[in-house]
Amino acid sequence: MANISKSLQALLENIYADDQVSKQEFLQLQEESDRRWDKVVDELGADNTLLSFQKAMDVAMHLLYLSVEHVKAQELTDLGEAIVKDAVIAQVEAIRAGSELSLKALKVGKNTP
């Protein structure tokens, strides 16, 4: 995983300490992530791509919630539930891997291939 700030590391360790995430903890992390992204926008300007990325993350999270609500209304077997959980985790891991790949391109100073 990419290097992260000590304050973010401490927040994540606190949230995941009991292997459960409460709604309050999720909202706290979402607020913190928005605050940190606002700093990026403040530093680099209100570029449409930067603003759209943050909104897309909010939309993706909402669509995940709606998808799970839809699935909950279905009559799932144990296997069906396992398939859904596995698929959600795969989607989230694809975002995580993509972020790692993207951050490799980030360098201070002139970026060279």
C-alpha atoms as a PDB file:
ATOM      1  CA  MET A   1       0.000   0.000   0.000  1.00  0.00           C
ATOM      2  CA  ALA A   2       1.140   3.551  -0.680  1.00  0.00           C
ATOM      3  CA  ASN A   3       2.634   5.576   2.124  1.00  0.00           C
ATOM      4  CA  ILE A   4      -0.067   7.512   3.953  1.00  0.00           C
ATOM      5  CA  SER A   5       0.090  10.202   6.596  1.00  0.00           C
ATOM      6  CA  LYS A   6       0.316   9.213  10.229  1.00  0.00           C
ATOM      7  CA  SER A   7      -2.980  10.950  10.943  1.00  0.00           C
ATOM      8  CA  LEU A   8      -4.787   8.961   8.235  1.00  0.00           C
ATOM      9  CA  GLN A   9      -3.097   5.752   9.381  1.00  0.00           C
ATOM     10  CA  ALA A  10      -4.251   6.414  12.963  1.00  0.00           C
ATOM     11  CA  LEU A  11      -7.810   7.121  11.812  1.00  0.00           C
ATOM     12  CA  LEU A  12      -7.946   3.899   9.778  1.00  0.00           C
ATOM     13  CA  GLU A  13      -6.444   1.836  12.605  1.00  0.00           C
ATOM     14  CA  ASN A  14      -9.060   3.247  14.971  1.00  0.00           C
ATOM     15  CA  ILE A  15     -11.916   2.510  12.564  1.00  0.00           C
ATOM     16  CA  TYR A  16     -10.786  -1.051  11.809  1.00  0.00           C
ATOM     17  CA  ALA A  17      -9.576  -1.921  15.337  1.00  0.00           C
ATOM     18  CA  ASP A  18     -12.646  -4.011  16.129  1.00  0.00           C
ATOM     19  CA  ASP A  19     -12.997  -5.425  12.577  1.00  0.00           C
ATOM     20  CA  GLN A  20     -16.324  -3.612  12.221  1.00  0.00           C
ATOM     21  CA  VAL A  21     -17.168  -0.252  10.703  1.00  0.00           C
ATOM     22  CA  SER A  22     -20.041   1.689  12.223  1.00  0.00           C
ATOM     23  CA  LYS A  23     -22.088   4.196  10.263  1.00  0.00           C
ATOM     24  CA  GLN A  24     -20.573   6.945  12.418  1.00  0.00           C
ATOM     25  CA  GLU A  25     -17.039   5.752  11.589  1.00  0.00           C
ATOM     26  CA  PHE A  26     -17.877   5.590   7.889  1.00  0.00           C
ATOM     27  CA  LEU A  27     -19.274   9.124   7.951  1.00  0.00           C
ATOM     28  CA  GLN A  28     -16.192  10.314   9.837  1.00  0.00           C
ATOM     29  CA  LEU A  29     -13.904   8.785   7.200  1.00  0.00           C
ATOM     30  CA  GLN A  30     -16.019  10.159   4.361  1.00  0.00           C
ATOM     31  CA  GLU A  31     -15.883  13.644   5.896  1.00  0.00           C
ATOM     32  CA  GLU A  32     -12.132  13.354   6.397  1.00  0.00           C
ATOM     33  CA  SER A  33     -11.562  12.140   2.838  1.00  0.00           C
ATOM     34  CA  ASP A  34     -13.609  15.066   1.491  1.00  0.00           C
ATOM     35  CA  ARG A  35     -11.641  17.492   3.670  1.00  0.00           C
ATOM     36  CA  ARG A  36      -8.363  16.101   2.367  1.00  0.00           C
ATOM     37  CA  TRP A  37      -9.539  16.234  -1.260  1.00  0.00           C
ATOM     38  CA  ASP A  38     -10.656  19.839  -0.719  1.00  0.00           C
ATOM     39  CA  LYS A  39      -7.028  20.578   0.183  1.00  0.00           C
ATOM     40  CA  VAL A  40      -5.962  19.129  -3.179  1.00  0.00           C
ATOM     41  CA  VAL A  41      -8.451  21.377  -4.956  1.00  0.00           C
ATOM     42  CA  ASP A  42      -7.295  24.372  -2.896  1.00  0.00           C
ATOM     43  CA  GLU A  43      -3.678  23.609  -3.800  1.00  0.00           C
ATOM     44  CA  LEU A  44      -4.173  22.887  -7.505  1.00  0.00           C
ATOM     45  CA  GLY A  45      -7.318  24.811  -8.379  1.00  0.00           C
ATOM     46  CA  ALA A  46     -10.879  23.789  -9.111  1.00  0.00           C
ATOM     47  CA  ASP A  47     -10.021  21.624 -12.090  1.00  0.00           C
ATOM     48  CA  ASN A  48     -13.059  19.809 -13.516  1.00  0.00           C
ATOM     49  CA  THR A  49     -11.303  16.434 -13.331  1.00  0.00           C
ATOM     50  CA  LEU A  50     -10.435  16.884  -9.656  1.00  0.00           C
ATOM     51  CA  LEU A  51     -13.953  17.980  -8.783  1.00  0.00           C
ATOM     52  CA  SER A  52     -15.524  15.214 -10.871  1.00  0.00           C
ATOM     53  CA  PHE A  53     -13.377  12.526  -9.243  1.00  0.00           C
ATOM     54  CA  GLN A  54     -14.608  13.470  -5.769  1.00  0.00           C
ATOM     55  CA  LYS A  55     -18.223  13.523  -6.946  1.00  0.00           C
ATOM     56  CA  ALA A  56     -17.759  10.188  -8.738  1.00  0.00           C
ATOM     57  CA  MET A  57     -16.508   8.596  -5.519  1.00  0.00           C
ATOM     58  CA  ASP A  58     -19.595   9.873  -3.694  1.00  0.00           C
ATOM     59  CA  VAL A  59     -21.837   8.541  -6.484  1.00  0.00           C
ATOM     60  CA  ALA A  60     -20.050   5.158  -6.466  1.00  0.00           C
ATOM     61  CA  MET A  61     -20.557   4.850  -2.715  1.00  0.00           C
ATOM     62  CA  HIS A  62     -24.241   5.710  -3.059  1.00  0.00           C
ATOM     63  CA  LEU A  63     -24.689   3.200  -5.880  1.00  0.00           C
ATOM     64  CA  LEU A  64     -23.006   0.525  -3.758  1.00  0.00           C
ATOM     65  CA  TYR A  65     -25.485   1.269  -0.976  1.00  0.00           C
ATOM     66  CA  LEU A  66     -28.441   1.115  -3.395  1.00  0.00           C
ATOM     67  CA  SER A  67     -27.136  -2.119  -4.925  1.00  0.00           C
ATOM     68  CA  VAL A  68     -26.874  -3.771  -1.523  1.00  0.00           C
ATOM     69  CA  GLU A  69     -30.362  -2.528  -0.619  1.00  0.00           C
ATOM     70  CA  HIS A  70     -31.643  -4.116  -3.842  1.00  0.00           C
ATOM     71  CA  VAL A  71     -29.841  -7.379  -3.093  1.00  0.00           C
ATOM     72  CA  LYS A  72     -31.208  -7.431   0.471  1.00  0.00           C
ATOM     73  CA  ALA A  73     -34.745  -7.405  -0.964  1.00  0.00           C
ATOM     74  CA  GLN A  74     -34.026 -10.595  -2.942  1.00  0.00           C
ATOM     75  CA  GLU A  75     -34.298 -14.110  -1.605  1.00  0.00           C
ATOM     76  CA  LEU A  76     -30.625 -15.023  -1.394  1.00  0.00           C
ATOM     77  CA  THR A  77     -29.131 -18.380  -0.646  1.00  0.00           C
ATOM     78  CA  ASP A  78     -25.914 -18.607   1.357  1.00  0.00           C
ATOM     79  CA  LEU A  79     -24.119 -19.094  -1.948  1.00  0.00           C
ATOM     80  CA  GLY A  80     -25.820 -16.036  -3.437  1.00  0.00           C
ATOM     81  CA  GLU A  81     -24.784 -13.920  -0.465  1.00  0.00           C
ATOM     82  CA  ALA A  82     -21.202 -15.160  -0.778  1.00  0.00           C
ATOM     83  CA  ILE A  83     -21.189 -14.314  -4.501  1.00  0.00           C
ATOM     84  CA  VAL A  84     -22.436 -10.770  -3.801  1.00  0.00           C
ATOM     85  CA  LYS A  85     -19.897 -10.174  -1.011  1.00  0.00           C
ATOM     86  CA  ASP A  86     -17.072 -11.497  -3.182  1.00  0.00           C
ATOM     87  CA  ALA A  87     -18.120  -9.263  -6.083  1.00  0.00           C
ATOM     88  CA  VAL A  88     -18.330  -6.142  -3.902  1.00  0.00           C
ATOM     89  CA  ILE A  89     -14.880  -6.826  -2.460  1.00  0.00           C
ATOM     90  CA  ALA A  90     -13.489  -7.357  -5.979  1.00  0.00           C
ATOM     91  CA  GLN A  91     -14.897  -3.983  -7.096  1.00  0.00           C
ATOM     92  CA  VAL A  92     -13.378  -2.196  -4.100  1.00  0.00           C
ATOM     93  CA  GLU A  93     -10.020  -3.932  -4.595  1.00  0.00           C
ATOM     94  CA  ALA A  94     -10.009  -2.850  -8.256  1.00  0.00           C
ATOM     95  CA  ILE A  95     -10.289   0.760  -7.047  1.00  0.00           C
ATOM     96  CA  ARG A  96      -7.516   0.179  -4.528  1.00  0.00           C
ATOM     97  CA  ALA A  97      -5.202  -1.415  -7.120  1.00  0.00           C
ATOM     98  CA  GLY A  98      -6.012   1.350  -9.582  1.00  0.00           C
ATOM     99  CA  SER A  99      -5.125   3.975  -7.012  1.00  0.00           C
ATOM    100  CA  GLU A 100      -1.801   2.263  -6.332  1.00  0.00           C
ATOM    101  CA  LEU A 101      -1.065   2.156 -10.050  1.00  0.00           C
ATOM    102  CA  SER A 102      -2.048   5.808 -10.507  1.00  0.00           C
ATOM    103  CA  LEU A 103       0.052   6.989  -7.569  1.00  0.00           C
ATOM    104  CA  LYS A 104       3.151   5.403  -9.145  1.00  0.00           C
ATOM    105  CA  ALA A 105       2.989   8.162 -11.755  1.00  0.00           C
ATOM    106  CA  LEU A 106       2.970  10.900  -9.111  1.00  0.00           C
ATOM    107  CA  LYS A 107       6.386  12.422  -8.541  1.00  0.00           C
ATOM    108  CA  VAL A 108       7.538  15.708  -7.091  1.00  0.00           C
ATOM    109  CA  GLY A 109       9.100  17.827  -9.785  1.00  0.00           C
ATOM    110  CA  LYS A 110       9.261  16.954 -13.452  1.00  0.00           C
ATOM    111  CA  ASN A 111       7.493  13.691 -14.253  1.00  0.00           C
ATOM    112  CA  THR A 112       9.486  11.557 -16.618  1.00  0.00           C
ATOM    113  CA  PRO A 113       8.551   8.196 -18.085  1.00  0.00           C
END
